[in-house]
C-alpha atoms as a PDB file:
ATOM      1  CA  MET A   1       0.000   0.000   0.000  1.00  0.00           C
ATOM      2  CA  ALA A   2       1.011   3.665  -0.307  1.00  0.00           C
ATOM      3  CA  THR A   3       2.462   5.844   2.431  1.00  0.00           C
ATOM      4  CA  THR A   4       0.762   5.256   5.762  1.00  0.00           C
ATOM      5  CA  GLY A   5      -0.250   7.689   8.453  1.00  0.00           C
ATOM      6  CA  SER A   6      -1.792  10.358   6.225  1.00  0.00           C
ATOM      7  CA  TRP A   7      -5.481   9.488   6.533  1.00  0.00           C
ATOM      8  CA  LYS A   8      -7.486  11.011   9.353  1.00  0.00           C
ATOM      9  CA  PRO A   9      -9.347   8.729  11.811  1.00  0.00           C
ATOM     10  CA  GLY A  10     -13.087   8.986  11.303  1.00  0.00           C
ATOM     11  CA  SER A  11     -12.754   9.288   7.518  1.00  0.00           C
ATOM     12  CA  THR A  12     -14.790   7.042   5.236  1.00  0.00           C
ATOM     13  CA  VAL A  13     -12.694   4.472   3.373  1.00  0.00           C
ATOM     14  CA  LEU A  14     -13.992   2.354   0.488  1.00  0.00           C
ATOM     15  CA  TYR A  15     -12.746  -1.228   0.551  1.00  0.00           C
ATOM     16  CA  ARG A  16     -13.217  -2.590  -2.954  1.00  0.00           C
ATOM     17  CA  TYR A  17     -12.813  -6.093  -4.308  1.00  0.00           C
ATOM     18  CA  GLY A  18     -12.699  -6.190  -8.084  1.00  0.00           C
ATOM     19  CA  ARG A  19     -11.283  -7.656 -11.257  1.00  0.00           C
ATOM     20  CA  SER A  20     -10.740  -6.549 -14.853  1.00  0.00           C
ATOM     21  CA  GLY A  21     -10.698  -2.923 -13.712  1.00  0.00           C
ATOM     22  CA  ARG A  22     -14.196  -3.015 -12.206  1.00  0.00           C
ATOM     23  CA  ALA A  23     -15.277  -2.950  -8.555  1.00  0.00           C
ATOM     24  CA  ARG A  24     -17.478  -5.942  -7.709  1.00  0.00           C
ATOM     25  CA  PHE A  25     -17.867  -5.778  -3.919  1.00  0.00           C
ATOM     26  CA  VAL A  26     -17.543  -2.522  -1.963  1.00  0.00           C
ATOM     27  CA  ASN A  27     -17.679  -1.810   1.780  1.00  0.00           C
ATOM     28  CA  ALA A  28     -17.852   1.675   3.276  1.00  0.00           C
ATOM     29  CA  GLY A  29     -15.807   1.644   6.487  1.00  0.00           C
ATOM     30  CA  ILE A  30     -14.717   4.249   9.029  1.00  0.00           C
ATOM     31  CA  LEU A  31     -11.000   4.647   9.622  1.00  0.00           C
ATOM     32  CA  ILE A  32      -9.944   3.760  13.170  1.00  0.00           C
ATOM     33  CA  GLU A  33      -6.189   3.882  12.699  1.00  0.00           C
ATOM     34  CA  ASP A  34      -3.632   4.532   9.968  1.00  0.00           C
ATOM     35  CA  SER A  35      -0.151   3.454  11.078  1.00  0.00           C
ATOM     36  CA  PRO A  36       3.019   1.857   9.656  1.00  0.00           C
ATOM     37  CA  ASP A  37       1.482  -1.534  10.522  1.00  0.00           C
ATOM     38  CA  GLY A  38      -1.504  -0.878   8.264  1.00  0.00           C
ATOM     39  CA  LEU A  39      -5.084   0.388   8.300  1.00  0.00           C
ATOM     40  CA  VAL A  40      -7.827  -0.514  10.781  1.00  0.00           C
ATOM     41  CA  LEU A  41     -11.419   0.046   9.681  1.00  0.00           C
ATOM     42  CA  TRP A  42     -14.762  -0.151  11.453  1.00  0.00           C
ATOM     43  CA  ILE A  43     -17.593  -1.424   9.242  1.00  0.00           C
ATOM     44  CA  PRO A  44     -20.775  -0.368  11.062  1.00  0.00           C
ATOM     45  CA  PRO A  45     -23.979  -2.388  11.077  1.00  0.00           C
ATOM     46  CA  GLY A  46     -26.268  -1.175   8.320  1.00  0.00           C
ATOM     47  CA  SER A  47     -23.456   0.527   6.407  1.00  0.00           C
ATOM     48  CA  PRO A  48     -23.944   0.618   2.626  1.00  0.00           C
ATOM     49  CA  MET A  49     -22.231  -1.906   0.409  1.00  0.00           C
ATOM     50  CA  ILE A  50     -22.195  -3.045  -3.199  1.00  0.00           C
ATOM     51  CA  ARG A  51     -22.614  -6.754  -3.901  1.00  0.00           C
ATOM     52  CA  SER A  52     -22.269  -8.684  -7.144  1.00  0.00           C
ATOM     53  CA  CYS A  53     -25.253 -10.980  -7.606  1.00  0.00           C
ATOM     54  CA  PRO A  54     -26.299 -13.380 -10.370  1.00  0.00           C
ATOM     55  CA  GLN A  55     -28.149 -11.575 -13.133  1.00  0.00           C
ATOM     56  CA  GLN A  56     -30.890 -14.177 -12.825  1.00  0.00           C
ATOM     57  CA  GLY A  57     -31.407 -13.268  -9.150  1.00  0.00           C
ATOM     58  CA  GLY A  58     -30.449 -14.839  -5.849  1.00  0.00           C
ATOM     59  CA  ASP A  59     -26.942 -15.079  -4.427  1.00  0.00           C
ATOM     60  CA  LEU A  60     -23.668 -16.303  -5.912  1.00  0.00           C
ATOM     61  CA  ARG A  61     -23.626 -18.992  -3.228  1.00  0.00           C
ATOM     62  CA  ASP A  62     -26.765 -20.389  -4.866  1.00  0.00           C
ATOM     63  CA  ILE A  63     -24.812 -21.059  -8.068  1.00  0.00           C
ATOM     64  CA  SER A  64     -22.841 -24.263  -8.596  1.00  0.00           C
ATOM     65  CA  ILE A  65     -19.092 -23.975  -8.119  1.00  0.00           C
ATOM     66  CA  GLU A  66     -18.572 -24.810 -11.790  1.00  0.00           C
ATOM     67  CA  GLU A  67     -20.516 -21.693 -12.840  1.00  0.00           C
ATOM     68  CA  ARG A  68     -19.990 -19.365  -9.888  1.00  0.00           C
ATOM     69  CA  PHE A  69     -17.107 -17.412 -11.405  1.00  0.00           C
ATOM     70  CA  THR A  70     -18.434 -17.178 -14.949  1.00  0.00           C
ATOM     71  CA  VAL A  71     -22.168 -16.532 -14.507  1.00  0.00           C
ATOM     72  CA  PRO A  72     -23.313 -13.015 -15.620  1.00  0.00           C
ATOM     73  CA  THR A  73     -23.649 -10.715 -12.623  1.00  0.00           C
ATOM     74  CA  VAL A  74     -25.137  -7.361 -11.728  1.00  0.00           C
ATOM     75  CA  ARG A  75     -24.115  -5.057  -8.896  1.00  0.00           C
ATOM     76  CA  ARG A  76     -26.715  -4.231  -6.291  1.00  0.00           C
ATOM     77  CA  LEU A  77     -26.765  -1.791  -3.396  1.00  0.00           C
ATOM     78  CA  GLY A  78     -27.222  -3.439  -0.020  1.00  0.00           C
ATOM     79  CA  THR A  79     -26.232  -3.009   3.612  1.00  0.00           C
ATOM     80  CA  TRP A  80     -23.790  -4.751   5.938  1.00  0.00           C
ATOM     81  CA  ARG A  81     -25.617  -7.603   7.604  1.00  0.00           C
ATOM     82  CA  GLY A  82     -25.406  -8.243  11.326  1.00  0.00           C
ATOM     83  CA  PRO A  83     -23.188  -6.554  13.912  1.00  0.00           C
ATOM     84  CA  GLY A  84     -20.346  -4.284  12.904  1.00  0.00           C
ATOM     85  CA  ALA A  85     -16.882  -5.664  12.181  1.00  0.00           C
ATOM     86  CA  ILE A  86     -13.273  -4.506  12.326  1.00  0.00           C
ATOM     87  CA  ARG A  87     -11.007  -5.011   9.318  1.00  0.00           C
ATOM     88  CA  PHE A  88      -7.222  -4.845   9.602  1.00  0.00           C
ATOM     89  CA  VAL A  89      -5.343  -4.266   6.348  1.00  0.00           C
ATOM     90  CA  PRO A  90      -1.656  -4.901   7.037  1.00  0.00           C
ATOM     91  CA  THR A  91       1.143  -3.259   5.107  1.00  0.00           C
ATOM     92  CA  ASP A  92       2.755  -5.516   2.493  1.00  0.00           C
ATOM     93  CA  ARG A  93       0.730  -8.677   3.137  1.00  0.00           C
ATOM     94  CA  GLU A  94      -1.606 -10.628   0.877  1.00  0.00           C
ATOM     95  CA  TRP A  95      -4.479 -10.932   3.338  1.00  0.00           C
ATOM     96  CA  SER A  96      -6.756  -8.917   5.591  1.00  0.00           C
ATOM     97  CA  ILE A  97      -8.191  -9.857   8.984  1.00  0.00           C
ATOM     98  CA  SER A  98     -11.713  -9.112  10.219  1.00  0.00           C
ATOM     99  CA  TRP A  99     -12.917  -9.220  13.815  1.00  0.00           C
ATOM    100  CA  PHE A 100     -16.525 -10.399  14.079  1.00  0.00           C
ATOM    101  CA  PHE A 101     -18.762  -9.790  17.081  1.00  0.00           C
ATOM    102  CA  THR A 102     -22.029 -11.125  18.461  1.00  0.00           C
ATOM    103  CA  GLU A 103     -25.226  -9.055  18.612  1.00  0.00           C
ATOM    104  CA  ASP A 104     -24.380  -8.012  22.188  1.00  0.00           C
ATOM    105  CA  GLY A 105     -20.897  -6.838  21.200  1.00  0.00           C
ATOM    106  CA  GLN A 106     -18.841  -9.823  22.367  1.00  0.00           C
ATOM    107  CA  PHE A 107     -15.912 -10.945  20.243  1.00  0.00           C
ATOM    108  CA  SER A 108     -16.824 -14.001  18.145  1.00  0.00           C
ATOM    109  CA  HIS A 109     -13.893 -14.884  15.836  1.00  0.00           C
ATOM    110  CA  TRP A 110     -11.328 -13.657  13.332  1.00  0.00           C
ATOM    111  CA  TYR A 111     -11.788 -14.074   9.592  1.00  0.00           C
ATOM    112  CA  GLY A 112      -8.668 -14.131   7.437  1.00  0.00           C
ATOM    113  CA  ASN A 113      -9.321 -13.250   3.803  1.00  0.00           C
ATOM    114  CA  LEU A 114      -6.625 -14.179   1.292  1.00  0.00           C
ATOM    115  CA  GLU A 115      -6.378 -11.416  -1.302  1.00  0.00           C
ATOM    116  CA  ALA A 116      -4.120  -9.642  -3.771  1.00  0.00           C
ATOM    117  CA  PRO A 117      -1.660  -6.987  -2.530  1.00  0.00           C
ATOM    118  CA  GLN A 118      -3.825  -4.018  -1.592  1.00  0.00           C
ATOM    119  CA  ILE A 119      -3.598  -0.772  -3.559  1.00  0.00           C
ATOM    120  CA  ARG A 120      -4.268   2.389  -1.603  1.00  0.00           C
ATOM    121  CA  TRP A 121      -5.666   5.431  -3.432  1.00  0.00           C
ATOM    122  CA  GLU A 122      -7.330   8.791  -2.891  1.00  0.00           C
ATOM    123  CA  THR A 123      -8.924  11.381  -5.133  1.00  0.00           C
ATOM    124  CA  PRO A 124      -7.415  14.883  -5.334  1.00  0.00           C
ATOM    125  CA  GLY A 125      -9.021  18.006  -3.957  1.00  0.00           C
ATOM    126  CA  PRO A 126     -10.192  19.414  -0.628  1.00  0.00           C
ATOM    127  CA  SER A 127     -12.684  16.565  -0.017  1.00  0.00           C
ATOM    128  CA  PRO A 128     -10.847  13.434  -1.124  1.00  0.00           C
ATOM    129  CA  VAL A 129     -12.365   9.977  -1.378  1.00  0.00           C
ATOM    130  CA  TYR A 130     -10.149   7.296   0.201  1.00  0.00           C
ATOM    131  CA  GLY A 131     -10.040   3.725  -1.039  1.00  0.00           C
ATOM    132  CA  ILE A 132      -8.322   0.356  -0.869  1.00  0.00           C
ATOM    133  CA  ASP A 133      -8.484  -1.893  -3.939  1.00  0.00           C
ATOM    134  CA  THR A 134      -7.718  -5.608  -3.932  1.00  0.00           C
ATOM    135  CA  ALA A 135      -8.906  -8.899  -5.438  1.00  0.00           C
ATOM    136  CA  ASP A 136     -10.256 -11.907  -3.580  1.00  0.00           C
ATOM    137  CA  ARG A 137      -8.092 -15.041  -3.554  1.00  0.00           C
ATOM    138  CA  ILE A 138     -10.992 -17.392  -2.717  1.00  0.00           C
ATOM    139  CA  LEU A 139      -9.447 -19.210   0.259  1.00  0.00           C
ATOM    140  CA  ASP A 140     -10.284 -17.983   3.781  1.00  0.00           C
ATOM    141  CA  VAL A 141      -9.044 -18.858   7.264  1.00  0.00           C
ATOM    142  CA  LEU A 142     -11.462 -18.857  10.225  1.00  0.00           C
ATOM    143  CA  ILE A 143      -9.759 -18.419  13.587  1.00  0.00           C
ATOM    144  CA  SER A 144     -11.493 -19.114  16.895  1.00  0.00           C
ATOM    145  CA  PRO A 145     -10.839 -17.270  20.169  1.00  0.00           C
ATOM    146  CA  ASP A 146      -8.839 -20.321  21.304  1.00  0.00           C
ATOM    147  CA  LEU A 147      -6.504 -19.613  18.307  1.00  0.00           C
ATOM    148  CA  SER A 148      -7.421 -22.781  16.423  1.00  0.00           C
ATOM    149  CA  SER A 149      -7.973 -22.407  12.666  1.00  0.00           C
ATOM    150  CA  THR A 150     -10.047 -23.949   9.904  1.00  0.00           C
ATOM    151  CA  TRP A 151      -9.801 -23.270   6.180  1.00  0.00           C
ATOM    152  CA  LYS A 152     -12.860 -22.267   4.200  1.00  0.00           C
ATOM    153  CA  ASP A 153     -13.701 -22.539   0.467  1.00  0.00           C
ATOM    154  CA  GLU A 154     -10.944 -24.957  -0.523  1.00  0.00           C
ATOM    155  CA  ASP A 155     -13.461 -26.467  -2.951  1.00  0.00           C
ATOM    156  CA  GLU A 156     -13.845 -23.087  -4.688  1.00  0.00           C
ATOM    157  CA  LEU A 157     -10.074 -22.681  -4.909  1.00  0.00           C
ATOM    158  CA  ARG A 158      -9.735 -26.104  -6.529  1.00  0.00           C
ATOM    159  CA  ALA A 159     -12.503 -25.179  -8.974  1.00  0.00           C
ATOM    160  CA  VAL A 160     -10.854 -21.966 -10.191  1.00  0.00           C
ATOM    161  CA  VAL A 161      -7.564 -23.823 -10.648  1.00  0.00           C
ATOM    162  CA  GLU A 162      -9.312 -26.575 -12.623  1.00  0.00           C
ATOM    163  CA  GLN A 163     -10.997 -23.895 -14.755  1.00  0.00           C
ATOM    164  CA  GLY A 164      -7.625 -22.286 -15.480  1.00  0.00           C
ATOM    165  CA  MET A 165      -8.378 -19.018 -13.652  1.00  0.00           C
ATOM    166  CA  PHE A 166      -5.508 -19.602 -11.209  1.00  0.00           C
ATOM    167  CA  SER A 167      -2.343 -21.534 -11.996  1.00  0.00           C
ATOM    168  CA  ALA A 168      -0.981 -24.300  -9.804  1.00  0.00           C
ATOM    169  CA  VAL A 169       1.796 -21.914  -8.757  1.00  0.00           C
ATOM    170  CA  GLN A 170      -0.753 -19.286  -7.679  1.00  0.00           C
ATOM    171  CA  GLU A 171      -2.672 -21.916  -5.741  1.00  0.00           C
ATOM    172  CA  GLN A 172       0.500 -22.897  -3.907  1.00  0.00           C
ATOM    173  CA  GLN A 173       1.242 -19.264  -3.016  1.00  0.00           C
ATOM    174  CA  ILE A 174      -2.297 -18.766  -1.709  1.00  0.00           C
ATOM    175  CA  ARG A 175      -2.007 -21.865   0.458  1.00  0.00           C
ATOM    176  CA  LEU A 176       1.334 -20.671   1.801  1.00  0.00           C
ATOM    177  CA  HIS A 177      -0.279 -17.409   2.910  1.00  0.00           C
ATOM    178  CA  ALA A 178      -3.064 -19.396   4.593  1.00  0.00           C
ATOM    179  CA  GLN A 179      -0.436 -21.476   6.381  1.00  0.00           C
ATOM    180  CA  GLU A 180       1.231 -18.241   7.508  1.00  0.00           C
ATOM    181  CA  LEU A 181      -2.037 -17.027   9.067  1.00  0.00           C
ATOM    182  CA  THR A 182      -2.625 -20.392  10.740  1.00  0.00           C
ATOM    183  CA  ARG A 183       0.874 -20.342  12.240  1.00  0.00           C
ATOM    184  CA  MET A 184       0.612 -16.734  13.426  1.00  0.00           C
ATOM    185  CA  ALA A 185      -2.730 -17.431  15.078  1.00  0.00           C
ATOM    186  CA  SER A 186      -1.566 -20.615  16.809  1.00  0.00           C
ATOM    187  CA  GLN A 187       1.300 -18.647  18.358  1.00  0.00           C
ATOM    188  CA  GLY A 188      -0.860 -15.679  19.344  1.00  0.00           C
ATOM    189  CA  LEU A 189       1.240 -13.324  17.249  1.00  0.00           C
ATOM    190  CA  PRO A 190      -0.117  -9.890  16.233  1.00  0.00           C
ATOM    191  CA  PRO A 191      -2.835  -9.280  15.251  1.00  0.00           C
ATOM    192  CA  PHE A 192      -4.052 -12.358  17.174  1.00  0.00           C
ATOM    193  CA  ASP A 193      -2.774 -11.024  20.501  1.00  0.00           C
ATOM    194  CA  GLY A 194      -6.021  -9.703  21.957  1.00  0.00           C
ATOM    195  CA  ARG A 195      -6.015  -6.302  20.303  1.00  0.00           C
ATOM    196  CA  TRP A 196      -9.396  -4.874  19.275  1.00  0.00           C
ATOM    197  CA  ILE A 197     -11.448  -7.703  20.778  1.00  0.00           C
ATOM    198  CA  ASP A 198     -13.016  -5.249  23.274  1.00  0.00           C
ATOM    199  CA  TYR A 199     -13.376  -2.453  20.747  1.00  0.00           C
ATOM    200  CA  LYS A 200     -16.303  -0.055  20.975  1.00  0.00           C
ATOM    201  CA  PRO A 201     -16.753   2.457  18.119  1.00  0.00           C
ATOM    202  CA  ASP A 202     -16.883   6.186  18.721  1.00  0.00           C
ATOM    203  CA  PRO A 203     -20.526   6.865  19.667  1.00  0.00           C
ATOM    204  CA  PHE A 204     -20.449  10.119  17.684  1.00  0.00           C
ATOM    205  CA  TRP A 205     -19.628   8.399  14.400  1.00  0.00           C
ATOM    206  CA  GLN A 206     -22.418   8.427  11.855  1.00  0.00           C
ATOM    207  CA  THR A 207     -23.090   5.516   9.519  1.00  0.00           C
ATOM    208  CA  PRO A 208     -21.003   6.295   6.421  1.00  0.00           C
ATOM    209  CA  SER A 209     -22.612   7.025   3.093  1.00  0.00           C
ATOM    210  CA  LEU A 210     -21.487   5.567  -0.211  1.00  0.00           C
ATOM    211  CA  PRO A 211     -19.695   8.301  -2.180  1.00  0.00           C
ATOM    212  CA  SER A 212     -20.833   8.789  -5.755  1.00  0.00           C
ATOM    213  CA  LEU A 213     -17.274   7.961  -6.855  1.00  0.00           C
ATOM    214  CA  TRP A 214     -17.436   4.402  -5.493  1.00  0.00           C
ATOM    215  CA  ASP A 215     -17.412   3.102  -9.088  1.00  0.00           C
ATOM    216  CA  LEU A 216     -14.136   4.659 -10.200  1.00  0.00           C
ATOM    217  CA  PRO A 217     -12.032   2.228 -12.291  1.00  0.00           C
ATOM    218  CA  HIS A 218     -10.692  -0.488 -10.042  1.00  0.00           C
ATOM    219  CA  HIS A 219      -6.911  -0.444  -9.709  1.00  0.00           C
ATOM    220  CA  TYR A 220      -6.541  -4.206  -9.909  1.00  0.00           C
ATOM    221  CA  THR A 221      -6.834  -5.126 -13.577  1.00  0.00           C
ATOM    222  CA  ALA A 222      -6.294  -8.918 -13.686  1.00  0.00           C
ATOM    223  CA  SER A 223      -9.258 -11.069 -14.688  1.00  0.00           C
ATOM    224  CA  LEU A 224      -9.450 -12.777 -11.270  1.00  0.00           C
END
């Protein structure tokens, strides 16, 4: 990512997953911290988001794995479901970590999302729009409070490799990053060291809006 430390806490940050130069999933988060370690965002309950859905209706999870990544999609405006979440975007890593909470605000688990190196951007002018662009790498790592881990969506990863969307070398790299997260968690290394599990957002923060520029060309241009 670009130079850290320049974004003001409380600012809205767009976190955009995309491919082929187009944003496909967008979250509107509130910046908690911008430091040399990376960015920390709060994604409030009910915050606006963009989701890619099958053109025929329903959810991508309703589509067979064989067709899930090739079916025609449309982008729809929605809202973040359930309690708010924290997302940590480390500097120079190919993953992000989310903290999930229960309805009463208790820490539930971490969610490690394998993704392309994040690209940090902002628009010029006195009222800039801040954004992070990346691409999903399919595989996820779920980490329990006891620091045990399970991998999620290995079947999807195998499918995209079989379909030629990822190479065997890319698959190996993705799995190595998942192994890194599993090892870090098992040892209680940062960010799995208790930070943010008791977090309470600033009560004066308003639910962010989705800037009209959310659909700027996505900075990650690969097809997947």
